[in-house]
């Protein structure tokens, strides 16, 4: 679920409002990933089918992805699970149920040759030994279809040139199609029992060694490769979906004139400030994607997103909205972006100086248009030795001991004991290969930097 205590006016932020529900998915609530208040019901027969498709039909219909995990009789690089029971007041009563082991992405954390033929490649023709593995990003839904961004990544988490793509499931995570499988269904593009795969349908490479190129026909297909973006630069991971604060299936907010009208497009953000958009019905077709471009961009002057000339089909011609003189030039930006119709404004989290432990900070920014200009609402510097957003700064240290997430902050177990009376704490084992691993149910945002408010609930995709 994604809940915020938001201020009354985006330009002044003078105070706070009551809790505001921000949906974690767009259209079709009855088949969607997205939050819902306790006790809410969806409408239409498809909602019944989607909810009944989950392992625990009477539990919370919350769905997310896991990385480097091991539980419920299987383990691997990427997994899909249902958070069927959850309580902030009694976090130890929470329960996660396996939806799909996604075995094609590997059957052990850090597996680098899954499916066979990847041989640790991050992209074709590189030579990185056996460093490459699979990771997933936050899922979302459109039209009742679950989409999961997946990518090749150095297992230890370091930046690299790498491949990235999407996979999709039309049946609550039971079966999946990658872009090549989807495009080449007999009778036309689609994903059903004639072509879907229960193992996640991970793209194949077909390399004979860690130093030879990919040879798989689906990988090399010039029109609908199983990898939508090959050899992405080190400045990005994979696309993060922009949340327009309405339930999948409901009417999207009106009056969005920046080229990202959710009635027409699904929009995304890269950590480098790139914006992507694609017609809602064509998410799996990379040829239909467009990228914001503005060669004349300045901090206060942005090319209008409503102008078709501000969008290009050439990924290399994209323009970062992270203008160099702005307050958020340090990586990353836009890990969790939402549009709030009540305020006609976008908000996003930021994290600066990720690689400078003595000067790390998390912040929140707002803009009237997705292209900006973006204005910092507030920023909190994290003391040296701390960890921002519940994420590991020092991966080796993290793997050597369990940690606990308290109010969205990752702390030592002993520290959490002292915090437990005032913070909602959820123990998680983040050691490599242990516990649920890196969960994409939520990217913990910690405490809100806006005085008097909290952001101790993290965004969670939900099926309802």
Protein backbone atom coordinates (compact mmCIF):
# COMPACT_ATOMS: atom_id res chain seq x y z
CA UNK A 1 0.00 0.00 0.00
CA UNK A 2 1.15 3.56 -0.59
CA UNK A 3 0.01 6.13 1.89
CA UNK A 4 1.28 9.67 2.33
CA UNK A 5 0.58 12.53 4.66
CA UNK A 6 0.61 15.23 2.07
CA UNK A 7 0.59 19.02 2.49
CA UNK A 8 -2.32 21.14 1.39
CA UNK A 9 -0.71 22.95 -1.48
CA UNK A 10 2.19 21.77 -3.60
CA UNK A 11 3.72 25.21 -3.99
CA UNK A 12 3.78 26.23 -0.34
CA UNK A 13 3.59 23.01 1.66
CA UNK A 14 2.41 24.92 4.77
CA UNK A 15 0.89 21.99 6.61
CA UNK A 16 -0.42 18.48 6.34
CA UNK A 17 -3.61 16.78 5.33
CA UNK A 18 -5.23 13.63 6.59
CA UNK A 19 -3.92 10.41 5.13
CA UNK A 20 -4.24 10.43 1.38
CA UNK A 21 -4.64 7.19 -0.50
CA UNK A 22 -2.35 6.96 -3.51
CA UNK A 23 -3.00 3.93 -5.69
CA UNK A 24 0.00 1.89 -6.67
CA UNK A 25 -1.51 0.97 -10.02
CA UNK A 26 -3.41 2.47 -12.89
CA UNK A 27 -6.51 1.19 -14.68
CA UNK A 28 -8.68 -1.84 -13.83
CA UNK A 29 -8.76 -2.21 -10.04
CA UNK A 30 -10.47 -5.53 -10.40
CA UNK A 31 -7.40 -7.07 -11.97
CA UNK A 32 -4.69 -4.76 -10.84
CA UNK A 33 -1.67 -4.22 -8.73
CA UNK A 34 -2.50 -1.30 -6.51
CA UNK A 35 -3.46 -0.39 -2.97
CA UNK A 36 -6.95 -0.44 -1.55
CA UNK A 37 -8.33 0.52 1.83
CA UNK A 38 -9.15 -2.28 4.18
CA UNK A 39 -12.61 -3.55 3.43
CA UNK A 40 -12.81 -2.14 -0.09
CA UNK A 41 -14.16 -4.35 -2.82
CA UNK A 42 -13.54 -4.41 -6.49
CA UNK A 43 -16.16 -4.63 -9.14
CA UNK A 44 -16.64 -6.85 -12.14
CA UNK A 45 -16.04 -10.54 -12.77
CA UNK A 46 -12.39 -10.09 -13.71
CA UNK A 47 -11.62 -8.95 -10.17
CA UNK A 48 -12.99 -12.21 -8.86
CA UNK A 49 -10.80 -14.16 -11.25
CA UNK A 50 -7.67 -12.21 -10.43
CA UNK A 51 -8.11 -12.43 -6.67
CA UNK A 52 -9.09 -16.09 -6.82
CA UNK A 53 -5.92 -16.73 -8.81
CA UNK A 54 -3.72 -15.97 -5.82
CA UNK A 55 -2.58 -18.75 -3.47
CA UNK A 56 -4.43 -17.36 -0.42
CA UNK A 57 -7.79 -16.21 -1.75
CA UNK A 58 -9.02 -15.10 1.69
CA UNK A 59 -5.87 -13.14 2.55
CA UNK A 60 -4.55 -9.74 1.61
CA UNK A 61 -4.22 -9.65 -2.18
CA UNK A 62 -0.82 -7.93 -2.12
CA UNK A 63 1.71 -9.05 -4.72
CA UNK A 64 5.39 -8.20 -5.04
CA UNK A 65 8.72 -9.49 -6.27
CA UNK A 66 11.77 -10.71 -4.36
CA UNK A 67 15.46 -10.84 -5.28
CA UNK A 68 18.10 -13.22 -3.93
CA UNK A 69 15.64 -15.12 -1.84
CA UNK A 70 14.98 -18.54 -0.37
CA UNK A 71 11.73 -19.77 1.16
CA UNK A 72 8.78 -22.09 0.70
CA UNK A 73 10.78 -24.87 -0.88
CA UNK A 74 12.50 -22.87 -3.59
CA UNK A 75 15.00 -20.07 -4.05
CA UNK A 76 16.45 -17.95 -6.78
CA UNK A 77 17.24 -14.55 -8.25
CA UNK A 78 13.65 -13.42 -8.86
CA UNK A 79 10.48 -14.58 -7.12
CA UNK A 80 6.85 -13.50 -6.96
CA UNK A 81 4.98 -13.70 -3.68
CA UNK A 82 1.74 -12.71 -1.98
CA UNK A 83 1.78 -10.76 1.27
CA UNK A 84 -1.45 -12.34 2.45
CA UNK A 85 -1.32 -11.23 6.10
CA UNK A 86 0.06 -7.96 7.34
CA UNK A 87 -0.25 -5.88 10.48
CA UNK A 88 1.67 -2.75 11.46
CA UNK A 89 0.75 -3.28 15.11
CA UNK A 90 1.86 -6.92 15.11
CA UNK A 91 4.45 -7.25 12.33
CA UNK A 92 5.51 -10.73 13.42
CA UNK A 93 2.03 -11.94 12.48
CA UNK A 94 2.67 -11.00 8.84
CA UNK A 95 2.85 -13.83 6.34
CA UNK A 96 4.18 -14.20 2.80
CA UNK A 97 3.06 -16.96 0.44
CA UNK A 98 4.89 -18.04 -2.67
CA UNK A 99 3.15 -17.26 -5.98
CA UNK A 100 5.85 -18.31 -8.45
CA UNK A 101 9.47 -19.41 -8.00
CA UNK A 102 10.30 -17.99 -11.47
CA UNK A 103 12.80 -20.80 -11.93
CA UNK A 104 13.92 -19.70 -15.39
CA UNK A 105 15.67 -16.75 -13.72
CA UNK A 106 17.74 -19.13 -11.59
CA UNK A 107 17.13 -21.60 -8.77
CA UNK A 108 19.69 -20.17 -6.36
CA UNK A 109 20.51 -16.58 -5.33
CA UNK A 110 23.25 -15.22 -7.56
CA UNK A 111 22.85 -17.88 -10.26
CA UNK A 112 24.64 -16.44 -13.30
CA UNK A 113 23.85 -19.01 -16.00
CA UNK A 114 20.06 -19.05 -16.04
CA UNK A 115 18.63 -19.85 -18.45
CA UNK A 116 21.65 -21.88 -19.54
CA UNK A 117 23.72 -19.90 -22.01
CA UNK A 118 23.96 -16.58 -20.18
CA UNK A 119 27.32 -17.56 -18.69
CA UNK A 120 27.33 -14.51 -16.47
CA UNK A 121 26.89 -12.01 -19.31
CA UNK A 122 25.37 -8.62 -18.51
CA UNK A 123 24.86 -7.99 -22.22
CA UNK A 124 25.97 -9.71 -25.40
CA UNK A 125 29.67 -9.62 -26.25
CA UNK A 126 30.82 -8.28 -22.89
CA UNK A 127 33.43 -10.15 -20.90
CA UNK A 128 32.77 -9.85 -17.18
CA UNK A 129 33.47 -13.40 -16.11
CA UNK A 130 30.45 -14.81 -14.35
CA UNK A 131 29.40 -11.57 -12.64
CA UNK A 132 25.96 -11.15 -14.22
CA UNK A 133 22.70 -12.34 -12.71
CA UNK A 134 19.00 -11.35 -12.74
CA UNK A 135 17.23 -8.71 -10.67
CA UNK A 136 13.67 -7.35 -10.72
CA UNK A 137 12.20 -3.90 -10.11
CA UNK A 138 8.84 -2.80 -8.71
CA UNK A 139 5.85 -4.43 -10.50
CA UNK A 140 2.80 -2.55 -11.78
CA UNK A 141 -0.37 -3.34 -13.69
CA UNK A 142 -2.28 -2.07 -16.70
CA UNK A 143 -5.51 -3.58 -17.91
CA UNK A 144 -5.31 -6.36 -15.35
CA UNK A 145 -1.88 -7.50 -16.56
CA UNK A 146 1.03 -7.66 -14.13
CA UNK A 147 4.27 -6.27 -15.54
CA UNK A 148 7.67 -6.79 -13.92
CA UNK A 149 10.83 -4.98 -15.07
CA UNK A 150 13.81 -7.36 -14.99
CA UNK A 151 17.46 -6.77 -15.80
CA UNK A 152 20.93 -8.25 -15.84
CA UNK A 153 23.02 -6.93 -12.96
CA UNK A 154 26.33 -7.58 -11.27
CA UNK A 155 25.37 -9.83 -8.41
CA UNK A 156 27.08 -7.63 -5.83
CA UNK A 157 25.02 -4.65 -7.03
CA UNK A 158 27.67 -2.57 -8.80
CA UNK A 159 26.81 -0.35 -11.78
CA UNK A 160 27.46 -1.78 -15.23
CA UNK A 161 26.40 -1.75 -18.84
CA UNK A 162 23.58 -4.28 -18.90
CA UNK A 163 20.41 -5.59 -20.56
CA UNK A 164 16.90 -4.82 -19.31
CA UNK A 165 13.39 -5.82 -20.32
CA UNK A 166 9.84 -6.44 -19.07
CA UNK A 167 7.88 -9.64 -18.53
CA UNK A 168 4.11 -9.85 -18.14
CA UNK A 169 1.50 -12.13 -16.60
CA UNK A 170 -2.22 -12.15 -17.45
CA UNK A 171 -3.18 -14.56 -14.64
CA UNK A 172 -1.99 -13.27 -11.26
CA UNK A 173 1.59 -14.41 -11.70
CA UNK A 174 1.04 -18.07 -12.59
CA UNK A 175 2.30 -17.77 -16.18
CA UNK A 176 4.54 -15.28 -17.97
CA UNK A 177 5.65 -14.05 -21.38
CA UNK A 178 8.73 -12.08 -22.34
CA UNK A 179 8.48 -9.58 -25.25
CA UNK A 180 9.53 -12.06 -27.94
CA UNK A 181 7.10 -14.72 -26.70
CA UNK A 182 4.33 -12.12 -26.51
CA UNK A 183 4.95 -10.72 -30.00
CA UNK A 184 5.18 -14.10 -31.71
CA UNK A 185 2.02 -15.78 -30.47
CA UNK A 186 0.21 -17.57 -33.28
CA UNK A 187 -2.67 -15.36 -34.39
CA UNK A 188 -1.17 -12.12 -33.09
CA UNK A 189 0.58 -10.64 -30.06
CA UNK A 190 -0.63 -11.96 -26.72
CA UNK A 191 0.06 -14.21 -23.77
CA UNK A 192 -2.16 -17.21 -23.10
CA UNK A 193 -2.07 -20.97 -22.73
CA UNK A 194 -0.78 -21.31 -26.27
CA UNK A 195 2.54 -19.62 -25.51
CA UNK A 196 2.95 -18.64 -21.85
CA UNK A 197 5.47 -20.21 -19.49
CA UNK A 198 5.03 -21.10 -15.82
CA UNK A 199 8.74 -20.57 -15.05
CA UNK A 200 8.78 -16.80 -15.70
CA UNK A 201 9.91 -17.03 -19.34
CA UNK A 202 13.32 -15.45 -18.71
CA UNK A 203 15.04 -14.27 -21.91
CA UNK A 204 17.78 -16.52 -23.24
CA UNK A 205 21.24 -15.52 -24.43
CA UNK A 206 22.71 -18.66 -25.94
CA UNK A 207 26.37 -17.75 -25.45
CA UNK A 208 28.82 -20.64 -25.46
CA UNK A 209 31.07 -18.98 -22.86
CA UNK A 210 31.43 -15.84 -20.76
CA UNK A 211 33.44 -14.19 -23.54
CA UNK A 212 31.34 -15.07 -26.59
CA UNK A 213 28.20 -13.20 -27.76
CA UNK A 214 24.57 -14.18 -27.40
CA UNK A 215 23.26 -16.33 -30.24
CA UNK A 216 19.66 -17.00 -29.21
CA UNK A 217 17.24 -16.08 -32.02
CA UNK A 218 14.79 -14.36 -29.65
CA UNK A 219 17.60 -12.22 -28.23
CA UNK A 220 18.83 -11.26 -31.70
CA UNK A 221 15.39 -10.57 -33.20
CA UNK A 222 15.61 -7.07 -34.67
CA UNK A 223 11.92 -6.23 -34.19
CA UNK A 224 10.78 -7.89 -30.96
CA UNK A 225 13.84 -9.04 -29.06
CA UNK A 226 13.26 -10.72 -25.72
CA UNK A 227 15.50 -7.93 -24.36
CA UNK A 228 13.83 -4.58 -24.94
CA UNK A 229 16.89 -2.46 -24.05
CA UNK A 230 20.26 -4.01 -24.78
CA UNK A 231 23.45 -2.57 -23.29
CA UNK A 232 21.87 0.10 -21.12
CA UNK A 233 24.39 2.60 -19.70
CA UNK A 234 25.71 2.43 -16.15
CA UNK A 235 23.58 5.43 -15.10
CA UNK A 236 20.32 3.46 -15.12
CA UNK A 237 18.90 0.18 -13.81
CA UNK A 238 15.45 -0.32 -15.33
CA UNK A 239 12.32 1.80 -15.76
CA UNK A 240 10.27 2.80 -12.71
CA UNK A 241 6.56 3.18 -13.38
CA UNK A 242 4.96 6.57 -12.62
CA UNK A 243 1.94 6.18 -10.36
CA UNK A 244 -1.04 8.37 -11.33
CA UNK A 245 -2.99 7.70 -8.13
CA UNK A 246 -5.98 5.81 -9.45
CA UNK A 247 -6.95 2.18 -9.30
CA UNK A 248 -6.45 0.01 -12.35
CA UNK A 249 -9.83 0.03 -14.06
CA UNK A 250 -11.08 3.34 -12.72
CA UNK A 251 -11.14 6.61 -14.64
CA UNK A 252 -7.68 8.18 -14.72
CA UNK A 253 -7.19 11.79 -13.56
CA UNK A 254 -7.91 14.41 -16.20
CA UNK A 255 -6.08 17.58 -17.17
CA UNK A 256 -2.57 16.11 -17.46
CA UNK A 257 -1.08 18.02 -20.37
CA UNK A 258 2.58 17.10 -20.15
CA UNK A 259 2.49 14.21 -22.62
CA UNK A 260 1.83 11.58 -19.95
CA UNK A 261 -1.97 11.48 -19.91
CA UNK A 262 -2.59 8.09 -18.23
CA UNK A 263 -5.71 7.55 -20.30
CA UNK A 264 -3.38 7.17 -23.27
CA UNK A 265 0.12 6.45 -22.03
CA UNK A 266 1.99 4.59 -19.34
CA UNK A 267 4.96 6.71 -18.27
CA UNK A 268 8.22 5.74 -16.63
CA UNK A 269 11.30 7.30 -15.10
CA UNK A 270 14.94 6.23 -15.15
CA UNK A 271 17.28 7.06 -12.28
CA UNK A 272 19.22 9.34 -14.62
CA UNK A 273 16.14 11.54 -15.10
CA UNK A 274 15.04 10.09 -18.45
CA UNK A 275 11.29 9.89 -19.11
CA UNK A 276 9.74 7.14 -21.21
CA UNK A 277 6.16 6.71 -22.39
CA UNK A 278 4.30 4.03 -24.31
CA UNK A 279 0.65 3.59 -25.35
CA UNK A 280 -1.16 1.58 -22.67
CA UNK A 281 -1.81 -1.34 -24.99
CA UNK A 282 1.79 -1.60 -26.26
CA UNK A 283 3.98 -1.83 -23.17
CA UNK A 284 5.74 -4.98 -24.40
CA UNK A 285 6.56 -3.48 -27.81
CA UNK A 286 9.73 -1.40 -27.50
CA UNK A 287 9.17 0.06 -30.97
CA UNK A 288 6.16 1.92 -29.54
CA UNK A 289 8.14 3.56 -26.75
CA UNK A 290 9.09 7.23 -26.89
CA UNK A 291 11.54 9.21 -24.79
CA UNK A 292 11.42 12.84 -23.74
CA UNK A 293 13.92 15.00 -25.59
CA UNK A 294 14.76 18.67 -25.10
CA UNK A 295 18.19 19.75 -26.39
CA UNK A 296 17.58 23.34 -25.21
CA UNK A 297 16.67 22.43 -21.64
CA UNK A 298 17.61 24.81 -18.84
CA UNK A 299 16.75 24.70 -15.17
CA UNK A 300 13.66 26.88 -15.66
CA UNK A 301 12.83 26.24 -19.31
CA UNK A 302 11.60 22.77 -20.35
CA UNK A 303 10.27 21.75 -23.75
CA UNK A 304 6.53 21.18 -23.54
CA UNK A 305 5.67 17.52 -23.14
CA UNK A 306 2.41 18.18 -24.96
CA UNK A 307 4.41 18.84 -28.13
CA UNK A 308 4.96 15.65 -30.14
CA UNK A 309 8.36 17.05 -31.13
CA UNK A 310 9.45 16.65 -27.51
CA UNK A 311 9.37 12.87 -27.83
CA UNK A 312 11.73 10.64 -29.76
CA UNK A 313 11.74 6.95 -30.56
CA UNK A 314 15.53 6.90 -30.29
CA UNK A 315 16.66 6.00 -26.78
CA UNK A 316 20.07 7.61 -27.25
CA UNK A 317 18.43 10.99 -27.97
CA UNK A 318 16.61 11.19 -24.65
CA UNK A 319 17.13 14.18 -22.35
CA UNK A 320 17.50 13.95 -18.60
CA UNK A 321 15.23 16.29 -16.66
CA UNK A 322 17.92 16.27 -13.97
CA UNK A 323 19.35 19.53 -15.25
CA UNK A 324 22.95 20.01 -14.13
CA UNK A 325 22.37 23.12 -12.04
CA UNK A 326 19.41 21.70 -10.16
CA UNK A 327 19.39 20.42 -6.59
CA UNK A 328 19.24 16.74 -7.46
CA UNK A 329 22.06 16.06 -9.86
CA UNK A 330 23.45 13.15 -7.84
CA UNK A 331 22.27 9.62 -8.58
CA UNK A 332 19.55 8.44 -8.15
CA UNK A 333 16.33 10.32 -8.92
CA UNK A 334 12.73 9.22 -9.32
CA UNK A 335 12.81 5.79 -7.71
CA UNK A 336 9.24 6.33 -6.55
CA UNK A 337 7.26 8.95 -8.45
CA UNK A 338 3.54 9.66 -8.10
CA UNK A 339 1.09 12.19 -9.48
CA UNK A 340 -1.38 13.55 -6.93
CA UNK A 341 -4.57 14.69 -8.67
CA UNK A 342 -5.75 16.64 -5.62
CA UNK A 343 -2.70 18.90 -5.92
CA UNK A 344 -2.11 18.63 -9.66
CA UNK A 345 1.49 17.88 -8.86
CA UNK A 346 4.11 15.16 -9.06
CA UNK A 347 6.15 14.08 -6.06
CA UNK A 348 9.22 11.89 -6.00
CA UNK A 349 11.88 10.62 -3.65
CA UNK A 350 15.53 11.42 -4.25
CA UNK A 351 18.82 10.20 -2.85
CA UNK A 352 21.98 12.21 -3.30
CA UNK A 353 25.67 11.40 -3.06
CA UNK A 354 25.00 7.68 -2.91
CA UNK A 355 28.71 6.90 -3.05
CA UNK A 356 29.79 9.51 -0.48
CA UNK A 357 28.89 8.09 2.94
CA UNK A 358 29.66 11.34 4.77
CA UNK A 359 27.25 13.37 2.63
CA UNK A 360 24.26 11.17 1.86
CA UNK A 361 20.76 12.57 1.97
CA UNK A 362 17.21 11.59 1.12
CA UNK A 363 14.69 14.12 -0.08
CA UNK A 364 11.31 14.79 -1.59
CA UNK A 365 10.68 16.99 -4.61
CA UNK A 366 7.60 18.22 -6.45
CA UNK A 367 6.79 19.55 -9.92
CA UNK A 368 3.68 20.66 -11.77
CA UNK A 369 4.80 18.73 -14.86
CA UNK A 370 6.75 15.52 -15.07
CA UNK A 371 9.47 17.31 -17.03
CA UNK A 372 9.90 19.85 -14.23
CA UNK A 373 11.34 22.16 -13.13
CA UNK A 374 11.54 20.18 -9.90
CA UNK A 375 11.64 21.87 -6.50
CA UNK A 376 13.03 20.33 -3.33
CA UNK A 377 10.40 20.10 -0.59
CA UNK A 378 12.85 19.02 2.07
CA UNK A 379 16.01 17.02 2.42
CA UNK A 380 17.47 15.11 5.35
CA UNK A 381 21.18 14.38 5.56
CA UNK A 382 22.03 10.99 6.98
CA UNK A 383 24.84 10.77 9.49
CA UNK A 384 27.99 8.97 8.44
CA UNK A 385 27.61 5.25 8.99
CA UNK A 386 23.85 5.27 8.53
CA UNK A 387 21.91 3.69 5.69
CA UNK A 388 19.38 5.57 3.61
CA UNK A 389 15.94 4.25 2.66
CA UNK A 390 16.55 0.86 4.26
CA UNK A 391 18.99 0.10 1.46
CA UNK A 392 22.47 -1.22 1.96
CA UNK A 393 25.37 1.13 1.52
CA UNK A 394 27.95 -1.49 2.33
CA UNK A 395 26.82 -4.73 0.77
CA UNK A 396 29.51 -6.87 2.37
CA UNK A 397 28.64 -5.65 5.85
CA UNK A 398 24.96 -6.13 5.13
CA UNK A 399 25.45 -9.73 4.11
CA UNK A 400 27.35 -10.52 7.29
CA UNK A 401 24.45 -9.88 9.64
CA UNK A 402 20.69 -9.60 9.80
CA UNK A 403 19.15 -6.17 9.82
CA UNK A 404 15.78 -4.83 10.86
CA UNK A 405 13.67 -2.26 9.05
CA UNK A 406 12.18 0.20 11.53
CA UNK A 407 9.93 2.91 10.22
CA UNK A 408 11.49 2.36 6.82
CA UNK A 409 15.04 2.68 8.19
CA UNK A 410 17.49 -0.19 8.27
CA UNK A 411 19.14 -0.51 11.66
CA UNK A 412 20.94 -3.06 13.78
CA UNK A 413 18.74 -5.46 15.71
CA UNK A 414 19.80 -3.97 19.05
CA UNK A 415 18.83 -0.49 17.90
CA UNK A 416 15.45 -1.69 16.76
CA UNK A 417 14.68 -3.08 20.21
CA UNK A 418 14.94 0.42 21.59
CA UNK A 419 12.83 1.82 18.76
CA UNK A 420 10.10 -0.79 18.83
CA UNK A 421 7.88 1.14 21.22
CA UNK A 422 7.72 4.13 18.92
CA UNK A 423 8.28 2.69 15.45
CA UNK A 424 6.69 -0.08 13.47
CA UNK A 425 9.52 -2.53 12.95
CA UNK A 426 9.65 -5.49 10.58
CA UNK A 427 12.56 -7.93 10.95
CA UNK A 428 13.97 -9.10 7.65
CA UNK A 429 17.00 -11.21 6.87
CA UNK A 430 18.85 -9.40 4.11
CA UNK A 431 21.85 -11.70 3.94
CA UNK A 432 22.66 -13.06 0.52
CA UNK A 433 20.57 -16.16 -0.03
CA UNK A 434 18.68 -15.84 3.23
CA UNK A 435 15.13 -14.87 4.11
CA UNK A 436 13.03 -13.00 1.58
CA UNK A 437 16.10 -11.08 0.40
CA UNK A 438 15.67 -7.80 -1.43
CA UNK A 439 11.91 -7.37 -1.50
CA UNK A 440 10.22 -5.34 -4.18
CA UNK A 441 7.03 -5.20 -2.17
CA UNK A 442 8.34 -1.86 -0.99
CA UNK A 443 11.22 0.50 -1.21
CA UNK A 444 11.27 1.74 2.38
CA UNK A 445 11.13 5.52 2.40
CA UNK A 446 11.86 6.10 6.06
CA UNK A 447 10.55 9.12 7.90
CA UNK A 448 9.15 12.05 6.01
CA UNK A 449 11.40 15.12 5.98
CA UNK A 450 8.29 17.30 6.25
CA UNK A 451 8.10 18.37 9.93
CA UNK A 452 5.35 16.71 11.89
CA UNK A 453 4.68 13.99 9.35
CA UNK A 454 5.78 10.39 8.78
CA UNK A 455 6.26 8.16 5.82
CA UNK A 456 6.65 4.91 7.71
CA UNK A 457 4.45 2.94 5.36
CA UNK A 458 6.14 1.77 2.22
CA UNK A 459 4.61 1.41 -1.26
CA UNK A 460 3.21 -2.06 -1.88
CA UNK A 461 1.58 -3.28 -5.12
CA UNK A 462 -1.76 -4.88 -4.32
CA UNK A 463 -4.21 -7.10 -6.22
CA UNK A 464 -7.82 -6.48 -5.28
